[in-house]
C-alpha cells in the first residue's frame, strides 16, 4: 500500500491521522475558474494545487487516511475485549 510514512517523526496513530486530514484539506482545496467569454462563460472548480505529481499525492493521502482509520478501529476493538 502506498501511504505517507510518519514513523520517523514518532507520531502516535491519532496524530498521524490528524496530520493526514490536514494534508487532505490543503491538497483538495478547489478554486472556481471562469472558462469562456461573455454570456457563454461558465465556472468550473479546479484543484488549487494541480501540477504534475499532485494526483499521486492525493491518492497517497487518501490511502494514508484509510490505513490509519482502520488501524484505529482495530486498536479500539482490541481494547474493548
Protein backbone atom coordinates (compact mmCIF):
# COMPACT_ATOMS: atom_id res chain seq x y z
CA UNK A 1 0.00 0.00 0.00
CA UNK A 2 1.30 3.42 -0.93
CA UNK A 3 1.00 5.61 2.21
CA UNK A 4 2.78 8.55 3.80
CA UNK A 5 5.17 7.25 6.46
CA UNK A 6 5.22 9.09 9.80
CA UNK A 7 7.44 6.59 11.64
CA UNK A 8 10.49 8.83 11.68
CA UNK A 9 8.51 11.62 13.40
CA UNK A 10 7.49 9.49 16.42
CA UNK A 11 3.79 10.34 15.97
CA UNK A 12 1.04 8.24 17.52
CA UNK A 13 -1.61 6.79 15.20
CA UNK A 14 -4.05 9.50 16.22
CA UNK A 15 -1.55 12.25 15.38
CA UNK A 16 -0.77 10.62 12.03
CA UNK A 17 -4.47 10.59 11.16
CA UNK A 18 -4.77 14.24 12.19
CA UNK A 19 -1.80 15.23 10.00
CA UNK A 20 -3.19 13.28 7.04
CA UNK A 21 -6.54 15.08 7.39
CA UNK A 22 -4.75 18.44 7.43
CA UNK A 23 -2.91 17.46 4.23
CA UNK A 24 -6.21 16.38 2.70
CA UNK A 25 -7.76 19.77 3.48
CA UNK A 26 -4.87 21.54 1.78
CA UNK A 27 -4.48 19.32 -1.30
CA UNK A 28 -8.20 19.01 -2.07
CA UNK A 29 -8.86 22.77 -1.93
CA UNK A 30 -10.66 23.97 -5.06
CA UNK A 31 -10.82 27.29 -6.86
CA UNK A 32 -13.54 28.50 -9.19
CA UNK A 33 -12.14 29.15 -12.66
CA UNK A 34 -14.09 31.02 -15.29
CA UNK A 35 -13.99 29.48 -18.78
CA UNK A 36 -15.21 31.20 -21.92
CA UNK A 37 -16.20 34.79 -22.56
CA UNK A 38 -19.39 36.81 -22.41
CA UNK A 39 -22.76 35.13 -21.99
CA UNK A 40 -21.38 31.68 -22.70
CA UNK A 41 -18.88 31.84 -19.85
CA UNK A 42 -19.16 29.13 -17.21
CA UNK A 43 -17.43 28.44 -13.94
CA UNK A 44 -15.73 25.14 -13.10
CA UNK A 45 -13.92 24.08 -9.95
CA UNK A 46 -10.28 23.05 -10.26
CA UNK A 47 -7.82 21.98 -7.62
CA UNK A 48 -5.69 24.82 -6.34
CA UNK A 49 -2.61 22.60 -6.45
CA UNK A 50 -2.84 20.80 -9.77
CA UNK A 51 0.66 20.16 -11.04
CA UNK A 52 2.21 17.02 -12.46
CA UNK A 53 2.61 14.82 -9.36
CA UNK A 54 -0.30 16.12 -7.28
CA UNK A 55 -2.70 13.33 -8.28
CA UNK A 56 -0.28 10.78 -6.84
CA UNK A 57 -0.04 12.81 -3.64
CA UNK A 58 -3.84 12.96 -3.33
CA UNK A 59 -4.04 9.20 -3.76
CA UNK A 60 -1.33 8.73 -1.15
CA UNK A 61 -3.17 10.97 1.31
CA UNK A 62 -6.43 9.04 0.86
CA UNK A 63 -4.62 5.72 1.32
CA UNK A 64 -2.93 7.04 4.47
CA UNK A 65 -6.23 8.18 5.97
CA UNK A 66 -7.86 4.84 5.19
CA UNK A 67 -4.88 2.97 6.69
CA UNK A 68 -4.84 4.89 9.96
CA UNK A 69 -8.64 4.82 10.33
CA UNK A 70 -8.68 1.03 10.06
CA UNK A 71 -5.69 0.83 12.41
CA UNK A 72 -7.51 3.00 14.98
CA UNK A 73 -10.65 0.84 14.67
CA UNK A 74 -8.76 -2.39 15.22
CA UNK A 75 -6.92 -0.92 18.21
CA UNK A 76 -10.19 0.24 19.79
CA UNK A 77 -11.77 -3.20 19.20
CA UNK A 78 -8.81 -4.89 20.87
CA UNK A 79 -9.04 -2.55 23.87
CA UNK A 80 -12.75 -3.29 24.33
CA UNK A 81 -12.25 -7.06 24.57
